[in-house]
Amino acid sequence: EYTSPSDVARARTFFLHGRRSLLLTTERFQFYNRVTLRGAHTVWFYAVPAHAHYYAEVLNWLDASTASAVHVLYTPLDKLA
């Protein structure tokens, strides 16, 4: 959310065209900006998203024409949050 719009656009373009293999984003950034990040093949969640619609929204970023994977990292302590 602190990144300028031009830097966000540049990062998205680099990611889409394969010039960057990793794009780190947050649920908060997506909540306030609602950008579509195309070109993803693998998605990692550090924890289960706080809003259920965010999970489905991120899955729509995956390229359907290639093999894709989704991973969620969590611990048994996450259920206490």
PDB file of N, CA and C in Angstrom:
ATOM      1  N   GLU A   1       0.808  -1.200   0.000  1.00  0.00           N
ATOM      2  CA  GLU A   1       0.000   0.000   0.000  1.00  0.00           C
ATOM      3  C   GLU A   1       0.845   1.254   0.000  1.00  0.00           C
ATOM      4  N   TYR A   2       2.123   1.100   0.268  1.00  0.00           N
ATOM      5  CA  TYR A   2       3.017   2.256   0.278  1.00  0.00           C
ATOM      6  C   TYR A   2       3.786   2.401  -1.029  1.00  0.00           C
ATOM      7  N   THR A   3       3.563   1.510  -1.956  1.00  0.00           N
ATOM      8  CA  THR A   3       4.239   1.538  -3.240  1.00  0.00           C
ATOM      9  C   THR A   3       3.470   2.441  -4.199  1.00  0.00           C
ATOM     10  N   SER A   4       4.213   3.217  -4.985  1.00  0.00           N
ATOM     11  CA  SER A   4       3.554   4.121  -5.928  1.00  0.00           C
ATOM     12  C   SER A   4       2.856   3.314  -7.029  1.00  0.00           C
ATOM     13  N   PRO A   5       1.802   3.870  -7.599  1.00  0.00           N
ATOM     14  CA  PRO A   5       1.088   3.155  -8.673  1.00  0.00           C
ATOM     15  C   PRO A   5       1.989   2.780  -9.849  1.00  0.00           C
ATOM     16  N   SER A   6       2.961   3.622 -10.180  1.00  0.00           N
ATOM     17  CA  SER A   6       3.853   3.292 -11.299  1.00  0.00           C
ATOM     18  C   SER A   6       4.748   2.105 -10.948  1.00  0.00           C
ATOM     19  N   ASP A   7       5.199   2.007  -9.705  1.00  0.00           N
ATOM     20  CA  ASP A   7       6.009   0.859  -9.294  1.00  0.00           C
ATOM     21  C   ASP A   7       5.186  -0.422  -9.266  1.00  0.00           C
ATOM     22  N   VAL A   8       3.931  -0.319  -8.869  1.00  0.00           N
ATOM     23  CA  VAL A   8       3.044  -1.483  -8.875  1.00  0.00           C
ATOM     24  C   VAL A   8       2.831  -1.958 -10.307  1.00  0.00           C
ATOM     25  N   ALA A   9       2.569  -1.047 -11.219  1.00  0.00           N
ATOM     26  CA  ALA A   9       2.363  -1.404 -12.623  1.00  0.00           C
ATOM     27  C   ALA A   9       3.616  -2.035 -13.214  1.00  0.00           C
ATOM     28  N   ARG A  10       4.783  -1.501 -12.891  1.00  0.00           N
ATOM     29  CA  ARG A  10       6.039  -2.051 -13.395  1.00  0.00           C
ATOM     30  C   ARG A  10       6.259  -3.474 -12.868  1.00  0.00           C
ATOM     31  N   ALA A  11       6.021  -3.681 -11.584  1.00  0.00           N
ATOM     32  CA  ALA A  11       6.200  -5.010 -10.990  1.00  0.00           C
ATOM     33  C   ALA A  11       5.233  -6.018 -11.607  1.00  0.00           C
ATOM     34  N   ARG A  12       3.985  -5.613 -11.821  1.00  0.00           N
ATOM     35  CA  ARG A  12       3.002  -6.506 -12.443  1.00  0.00           C
ATOM     36  C   ARG A  12       3.415  -6.885 -13.863  1.00  0.00           C
ATOM     37  N   THR A  13       3.933  -5.920 -14.619  1.00  0.00           N
ATOM     38  CA  THR A  13       4.369  -6.184 -15.989  1.00  0.00           C
ATOM     39  C   THR A  13       5.563  -7.132 -16.008  1.00  0.00           C
ATOM     40  N   PHE A  14       6.537  -6.886 -15.148  1.00  0.00           N
ATOM     41  CA  PHE A  14       7.704  -7.773 -15.069  1.00  0.00           C
ATOM     42  C   PHE A  14       7.284  -9.191 -14.714  1.00  0.00           C
ATOM     43  N   PHE A  15       6.350  -9.325 -13.778  1.00  0.00           N
ATOM     44  CA  PHE A  15       5.889 -10.645 -13.363  1.00  0.00           C
ATOM     45  C   PHE A  15       5.137 -11.346 -14.488  1.00  0.00           C
ATOM     46  N   LEU A  16       4.267 -10.629 -15.169  1.00  0.00           N
ATOM     47  CA  LEU A  16       3.465 -11.210 -16.250  1.00  0.00           C
ATOM     48  C   LEU A  16       4.342 -11.722 -17.381  1.00  0.00           C
ATOM     49  N   HIS A  17       5.394 -10.997 -17.718  1.00  0.00           N
ATOM     50  CA  HIS A  17       6.253 -11.376 -18.840  1.00  0.00           C
ATOM     51  C   HIS A  17       7.424 -12.256 -18.428  1.00  0.00           C
ATOM     52  N   GLY A  18       7.450 -12.685 -17.163  1.00  0.00           N
ATOM     53  CA  GLY A  18       8.460 -13.631 -16.715  1.00  0.00           C
ATOM     54  C   GLY A  18       9.806 -13.023 -16.375  1.00  0.00           C
ATOM     55  N   ARG A  19       9.895 -11.699 -16.328  1.00  0.00           N
ATOM     56  CA  ARG A  19      11.169 -11.074 -15.976  1.00  0.00           C
ATOM     57  C   ARG A  19      11.399 -11.114 -14.469  1.00  0.00           C
ATOM     58  N   ARG A  20      10.360 -11.399 -13.705  1.00  0.00           N
ATOM     59  CA  ARG A  20      10.450 -11.638 -12.276  1.00  0.00           C
ATOM     60  C   ARG A  20       9.689 -12.929 -11.984  1.00  0.00           C
ATOM     61  N   SER A  21      10.307 -13.811 -11.213  1.00  0.00           N
ATOM     62  CA  SER A  21       9.659 -15.097 -10.947  1.00  0.00           C
ATOM     63  C   SER A  21       8.861 -15.100  -9.650  1.00  0.00           C
ATOM     64  N   LEU A  22       9.025 -14.057  -8.848  1.00  0.00           N
ATOM     65  CA  LEU A  22       8.330 -13.996  -7.566  1.00  0.00           C
ATOM     66  C   LEU A  22       7.693 -12.620  -7.395  1.00  0.00           C
ATOM     67  N   LEU A  23       6.440 -12.624  -6.972  1.00  0.00           N
ATOM     68  CA  LEU A  23       5.749 -11.376  -6.678  1.00  0.00           C
ATOM     69  C   LEU A  23       5.109 -11.531  -5.312  1.00  0.00           C
ATOM     70  N   LEU A  24       5.541 -10.720  -4.375  1.00  0.00           N
ATOM     71  CA  LEU A  24       5.035 -10.770  -3.007  1.00  0.00           C
ATOM     72  C   LEU A  24       3.969  -9.705  -2.826  1.00  0.00           C
ATOM     73  N   THR A  25       2.811 -10.122  -2.348  1.00  0.00           N
ATOM     74  CA  THR A  25       1.713  -9.191  -2.105  1.00  0.00           C
ATOM     75  C   THR A  25       1.041  -9.568  -0.798  1.00  0.00           C
ATOM     76  N   THR A  26       0.220  -8.698  -0.292  1.00  0.00           N
ATOM     77  CA  THR A  26      -0.476  -8.958   0.960  1.00  0.00           C
ATOM     78  C   THR A  26      -1.979  -8.888   0.760  1.00  0.00           C
ATOM     79  N   GLU A  27      -2.676  -9.492   1.678  1.00  0.00           N
ATOM     80  CA  GLU A  27      -4.132  -9.448   1.637  1.00  0.00           C
ATOM     81  C   GLU A  27      -4.611  -8.000   1.807  1.00  0.00           C
ATOM     82  N   ARG A  28      -3.910  -7.248   2.619  1.00  0.00           N
ATOM     83  CA  ARG A  28      -4.267  -5.842   2.835  1.00  0.00           C
ATOM     84  C   ARG A  28      -4.121  -5.030   1.541  1.00  0.00           C
ATOM     85  N   PHE A  29      -3.024  -5.247   0.807  1.00  0.00           N
ATOM     86  CA  PHE A  29      -2.830  -4.545  -0.461  1.00  0.00           C
ATOM     87  C   PHE A  29      -3.960  -4.875  -1.426  1.00  0.00           C
ATOM     88  N   GLN A  30      -4.302  -6.147  -1.529  1.00  0.00           N
ATOM     89  CA  GLN A  30      -5.363  -6.564  -2.441  1.00  0.00           C
ATOM     90  C   GLN A  30      -6.718  -6.010  -2.009  1.00  0.00           C
ATOM     91  N   PHE A  31      -6.937  -5.937  -0.707  1.00  0.00           N
ATOM     92  CA  PHE A  31      -8.209  -5.417  -0.184  1.00  0.00           C
ATOM     93  C   PHE A  31      -8.426  -3.968  -0.616  1.00  0.00           C
ATOM     94  N   TYR A  32      -7.376  -3.160  -0.562  1.00  0.00           N
ATOM     95  CA  TYR A  32      -7.512  -1.740  -0.870  1.00  0.00           C
ATOM     96  C   TYR A  32      -7.313  -1.408  -2.349  1.00  0.00           C
ATOM     97  N   ASN A  33      -6.620  -2.248  -3.103  1.00  0.00           N
ATOM     98  CA  ASN A  33      -6.304  -1.901  -4.491  1.00  0.00           C
ATOM     99  C   ASN A  33      -7.025  -2.727  -5.541  1.00  0.00           C
ATOM    100  N   ARG A  34      -7.411  -3.943  -5.212  1.00  0.00           N
ATOM    101  CA  ARG A  34      -8.148  -4.807  -6.143  1.00  0.00           C
ATOM    102  C   ARG A  34      -7.481  -4.934  -7.509  1.00  0.00           C
ATOM    103  N   VAL A  35      -6.212  -5.261  -7.533  1.00  0.00           N
ATOM    104  CA  VAL A  35      -5.519  -5.469  -8.797  1.00  0.00           C
ATOM    105  C   VAL A  35      -5.615  -6.938  -9.189  1.00  0.00           C
ATOM    106  N   THR A  36      -5.497  -7.219 -10.469  1.00  0.00           N
ATOM    107  CA  THR A  36      -5.455  -8.584 -10.965  1.00  0.00           C
ATOM    108  C   THR A  36      -4.013  -8.902 -11.320  1.00  0.00           C
ATOM    109  N   LEU A  37      -3.478  -9.924 -10.704  1.00  0.00           N
ATOM    110  CA  LEU A  37      -2.085 -10.309 -10.935  1.00  0.00           C
ATOM    111  C   LEU A  37      -2.075 -11.555 -11.811  1.00  0.00           C
ATOM    112  N   ARG A  38      -1.902 -11.355 -13.092  1.00  0.00           N
ATOM    113  CA  ARG A  38      -1.915 -12.460 -14.038  1.00  0.00           C
ATOM    114  C   ARG A  38      -0.519 -13.064 -14.162  1.00  0.00           C
ATOM    115  N   GLY A  39      -0.471 -14.297 -14.638  1.00  0.00           N
ATOM    116  CA  GLY A  39       0.804 -14.943 -14.904  1.00  0.00           C
ATOM    117  C   GLY A  39       1.297 -15.847 -13.798  1.00  0.00           C
ATOM    118  N   ALA A  40       0.509 -16.050 -12.760  1.00  0.00           N
ATOM    119  CA  ALA A  40       0.942 -16.898 -11.643  1.00  0.00           C
ATOM    120  C   ALA A  40       0.772 -18.372 -11.989  1.00  0.00           C
ATOM    121  N   HIS A  41       1.738 -19.166 -11.548  1.00  0.00           N
ATOM    122  CA  HIS A  41       1.661 -20.626 -11.706  1.00  0.00           C
ATOM    123  C   HIS A  41       1.536 -21.303 -10.354  1.00  0.00           C
ATOM    124  N   THR A  42       2.069 -20.676  -9.331  1.00  0.00           N
ATOM    125  CA  THR A  42       2.029 -21.215  -7.973  1.00  0.00           C
ATOM    126  C   THR A  42       1.685 -20.089  -7.011  1.00  0.00           C
ATOM    127  N   VAL A  43       0.796 -20.381  -6.075  1.00  0.00           N
ATOM    128  CA  VAL A  43       0.406 -19.409  -5.057  1.00  0.00           C
ATOM    129  C   VAL A  43       0.687 -20.015  -3.692  1.00  0.00           C
ATOM    130  N   TRP A  44       1.332 -19.229  -2.844  1.00  0.00           N
ATOM    131  CA  TRP A  44       1.595 -19.619  -1.457  1.00  0.00           C
ATOM    132  C   TRP A  44       0.859 -18.667  -0.538  1.00  0.00           C
ATOM    133  N   PHE A  45       0.089 -19.209   0.386  1.00  0.00           N
ATOM    134  CA  PHE A  45      -0.531 -18.423   1.440  1.00  0.00           C
ATOM    135  C   PHE A  45       0.236 -18.705   2.719  1.00  0.00           C
ATOM    136  N   TYR A  46       0.631 -17.660   3.421  1.00  0.00           N
ATOM    137  CA  TYR A  46       1.333 -17.823   4.683  1.00  0.00           C
ATOM    138  C   TYR A  46       0.372 -18.286   5.773  1.00  0.00           C
ATOM    139  N   ALA A  47      -0.871 -17.957   5.626  1.00  0.00           N
ATOM    140  CA  ALA A  47      -1.937 -18.390   6.533  1.00  0.00           C
ATOM    141  C   ALA A  47      -3.238 -18.374   5.734  1.00  0.00           C
ATOM    142  N   VAL A  48      -4.240 -19.005   6.288  1.00  0.00           N
ATOM    143  CA  VAL A  48      -5.536 -18.995   5.622  1.00  0.00           C
ATOM    144  C   VAL A  48      -6.031 -17.543   5.581  1.00  0.00           C
ATOM    145  N   PRO A  49      -6.496 -17.072   4.422  1.00  0.00           N
ATOM    146  CA  PRO A  49      -6.947 -15.678   4.323  1.00  0.00           C
ATOM    147  C   PRO A  49      -8.065 -15.358   5.318  1.00  0.00           C
ATOM    148  N   ALA A  50      -8.046 -14.135   5.820  1.00  0.00           N
ATOM    149  CA  ALA A  50      -9.064 -13.695   6.781  1.00  0.00           C
ATOM    150  C   ALA A  50     -10.438 -13.580   6.119  1.00  0.00           C
ATOM    151  N   HIS A  51     -10.475 -13.243   4.852  1.00  0.00           N
ATOM    152  CA  HIS A  51     -11.726 -13.117   4.113  1.00  0.00           C
ATOM    153  C   HIS A  51     -11.791 -14.227   3.072  1.00  0.00           C
ATOM    154  N   ALA A  52     -12.842 -15.005   3.101  1.00  0.00           N
ATOM    155  CA  ALA A  52     -12.969 -16.165   2.219  1.00  0.00           C
ATOM    156  C   ALA A  52     -12.950 -15.789   0.739  1.00  0.00           C
ATOM    157  N   HIS A  53     -13.521 -14.658   0.384  1.00  0.00           N
ATOM    158  CA  HIS A  53     -13.565 -14.261  -1.027  1.00  0.00           C
ATOM    159  C   HIS A  53     -12.169 -13.975  -1.572  1.00  0.00           C
ATOM    160  N   TYR A  54     -11.234 -13.636  -0.712  1.00  0.00           N
ATOM    161  CA  TYR A  54      -9.865 -13.362  -1.151  1.00  0.00           C
ATOM    162  C   TYR A  54      -9.215 -14.625  -1.712  1.00  0.00           C
ATOM    163  N   TYR A  55      -9.472 -15.763  -1.102  1.00  0.00           N
ATOM    164  CA  TYR A  55      -8.919 -17.036  -1.568  1.00  0.00           C
ATOM    165  C   TYR A  55      -9.376 -17.316  -3.000  1.00  0.00           C
ATOM    166  N   ALA A  56     -10.657 -17.186  -3.260  1.00  0.00           N
ATOM    167  CA  ALA A  56     -11.190 -17.427  -4.603  1.00  0.00           C
ATOM    168  C   ALA A  56     -10.656 -16.402  -5.596  1.00  0.00           C
ATOM    169  N   GLU A  57     -10.517 -15.173  -5.159  1.00  0.00           N
ATOM    170  CA  GLU A  57     -10.002 -14.120  -6.032  1.00  0.00           C
ATOM    171  C   GLU A  57      -8.567 -14.422  -6.467  1.00  0.00           C
ATOM    172  N   VAL A  58      -7.755 -14.880  -5.537  1.00  0.00           N
ATOM    173  CA  VAL A  58      -6.365 -15.208  -5.850  1.00  0.00           C
ATOM    174  C   VAL A  58      -6.293 -16.433  -6.769  1.00  0.00           C
ATOM    175  N   LEU A  59      -7.150 -17.403  -6.567  1.00  0.00           N
ATOM    176  CA  LEU A  59      -7.147 -18.585  -7.437  1.00  0.00           C
ATOM    177  C   LEU A  59      -7.485 -18.216  -8.878  1.00  0.00           C
ATOM    178  N   ASN A  60      -8.225 -17.160  -9.072  1.00  0.00           N
ATOM    179  CA  ASN A  60      -8.537 -16.700 -10.426  1.00  0.00           C
ATOM    180  C   ASN A  60      -7.310 -16.118 -11.130  1.00  0.00           C
ATOM    181  N   TRP A  61      -6.248 -15.799 -10.391  1.00  0.00           N
ATOM    182  CA  TRP A  61      -5.017 -15.297 -10.996  1.00  0.00           C
ATOM    183  C   TRP A  61      -4.241 -16.399 -11.700  1.00  0.00           C
ATOM    184  N   LEU A  62      -4.471 -17.660 -11.322  1.00  0.00           N
ATOM    185  CA  LEU A  62      -3.689 -18.760 -11.871  1.00  0.00           C
ATOM    186  C   LEU A  62      -3.960 -18.944 -13.349  1.00  0.00           C
ATOM    187  N   ASP A  63      -2.909 -19.288 -14.061  1.00  0.00           N
ATOM    188  CA  ASP A  63      -2.999 -19.523 -15.498  1.00  0.00           C
ATOM    189  C   ASP A  63      -3.619 -20.900 -15.729  1.00  0.00           C
ATOM    190  N   ALA A  64      -4.807 -20.943 -16.293  1.00  0.00           N
ATOM    191  CA  ALA A  64      -5.539 -22.201 -16.472  1.00  0.00           C
ATOM    192  C   ALA A  64      -4.919 -23.090 -17.549  1.00  0.00           C
ATOM    193  N   SER A  65      -4.088 -22.535 -18.415  1.00  0.00           N
ATOM    194  CA  SER A  65      -3.526 -23.325 -19.506  1.00  0.00           C
ATOM    195  C   SER A  65      -2.284 -24.107 -19.086  1.00  0.00           C
ATOM    196  N   THR A  66      -1.782 -23.886 -17.880  1.00  0.00           N
ATOM    197  CA  THR A  66      -0.602 -24.609 -17.397  1.00  0.00           C
ATOM    198  C   THR A  66      -0.910 -25.259 -16.057  1.00  0.00           C
ATOM    199  N   ALA A  67      -0.016 -26.129 -15.634  1.00  0.00           N
ATOM    200  CA  ALA A  67      -0.167 -26.767 -14.329  1.00  0.00           C
ATOM    201  C   ALA A  67       0.018 -25.713 -13.239  1.00  0.00           C
ATOM    202  N   SER A  68      -0.892 -25.688 -12.293  1.00  0.00           N
ATOM    203  CA  SER A  68      -0.854 -24.699 -11.226  1.00  0.00           C
ATOM    204  C   SER A  68      -0.898 -25.402  -9.878  1.00  0.00           C
ATOM    205  N   ALA A  69      -0.445 -24.699  -8.851  1.00  0.00           N
ATOM    206  CA  ALA A  69      -0.454 -25.259  -7.504  1.00  0.00           C
ATOM    207  C   ALA A  69      -0.776 -24.166  -6.500  1.00  0.00           C
ATOM    208  N   VAL A  70      -1.462 -24.559  -5.436  1.00  0.00           N
ATOM    209  CA  VAL A  70      -1.785 -23.653  -4.342  1.00  0.00           C
ATOM    210  C   VAL A  70      -1.349 -24.325  -3.049  1.00  0.00           C
ATOM    211  N   HIS A  71      -0.630 -23.577  -2.213  1.00  0.00           N
ATOM    212  CA  HIS A  71      -0.143 -24.095  -0.942  1.00  0.00           C
ATOM    213  C   HIS A  71      -0.556 -23.142   0.167  1.00  0.00           C
ATOM    214  N   VAL A  72      -0.957 -23.700   1.304  1.00  0.00           N
ATOM    215  CA  VAL A  72      -1.297 -22.890   2.470  1.00  0.00           C
ATOM    216  C   VAL A  72      -0.453 -23.380   3.633  1.00  0.00           C
ATOM    217  N   LEU A  73       0.323 -22.474   4.213  1.00  0.00           N
ATOM    218  CA  LEU A  73       1.142 -22.798   5.372  1.00  0.00           C
ATOM    219  C   LEU A  73       0.406 -22.354   6.627  1.00  0.00           C
ATOM    220  N   TYR A  74       0.237 -23.254   7.559  1.00  0.00           N
ATOM    221  CA  TYR A  74      -0.399 -22.899   8.818  1.00  0.00           C
ATOM    222  C   TYR A  74       0.042 -23.894   9.885  1.00  0.00           C
ATOM    223  N   THR A  75      -0.202 -23.548  11.107  1.00  0.00           N
ATOM    224  CA  THR A  75       0.139 -24.414  12.244  1.00  0.00           C
ATOM    225  C   THR A  75      -1.130 -24.687  13.035  1.00  0.00           C
ATOM    226  N   PRO A  76      -1.098 -25.657  13.916  1.00  0.00           N
ATOM    227  CA  PRO A  76      -2.275 -25.905  14.756  1.00  0.00           C
ATOM    228  C   PRO A  76      -2.636 -24.685  15.627  1.00  0.00           C
ATOM    229  N   LEU A  77      -1.688 -23.812  15.885  1.00  0.00           N
ATOM    230  CA  LEU A  77      -1.968 -22.621  16.684  1.00  0.00           C
ATOM    231  C   LEU A  77      -2.785 -21.585  15.917  1.00  0.00           C
ATOM    232  N   ASP A  78      -2.825 -21.691  14.604  1.00  0.00           N
ATOM    233  CA  ASP A  78      -3.601 -20.743  13.806  1.00  0.00           C
ATOM    234  C   ASP A  78      -5.089 -20.833  14.113  1.00  0.00           C
ATOM    235  N   LYS A  79      -5.556 -21.988  14.529  1.00  0.00           N
ATOM    236  CA  LYS A  79      -6.991 -22.114  14.835  1.00  0.00           C
ATOM    237  C   LYS A  79      -7.373 -21.342  16.089  1.00  0.00           C
ATOM    238  N   LEU A  80      -6.396 -20.924  16.886  1.00  0.00           N
ATOM    239  CA  LEU A  80      -6.670 -20.137  18.076  1.00  0.00           C
ATOM    240  C   LEU A  80      -6.850 -18.663  17.768  1.00  0.00           C
ATOM    241  N   ALA A  81      -6.400 -18.239  16.592  1.00  0.00           N
ATOM    242  CA  ALA A  81      -6.467 -16.809  16.242  1.00  0.00           C
ATOM    243  C   ALA A  81      -7.863 -16.372  15.920  1.00  0.00           C
TER     244      ALA A  81
END
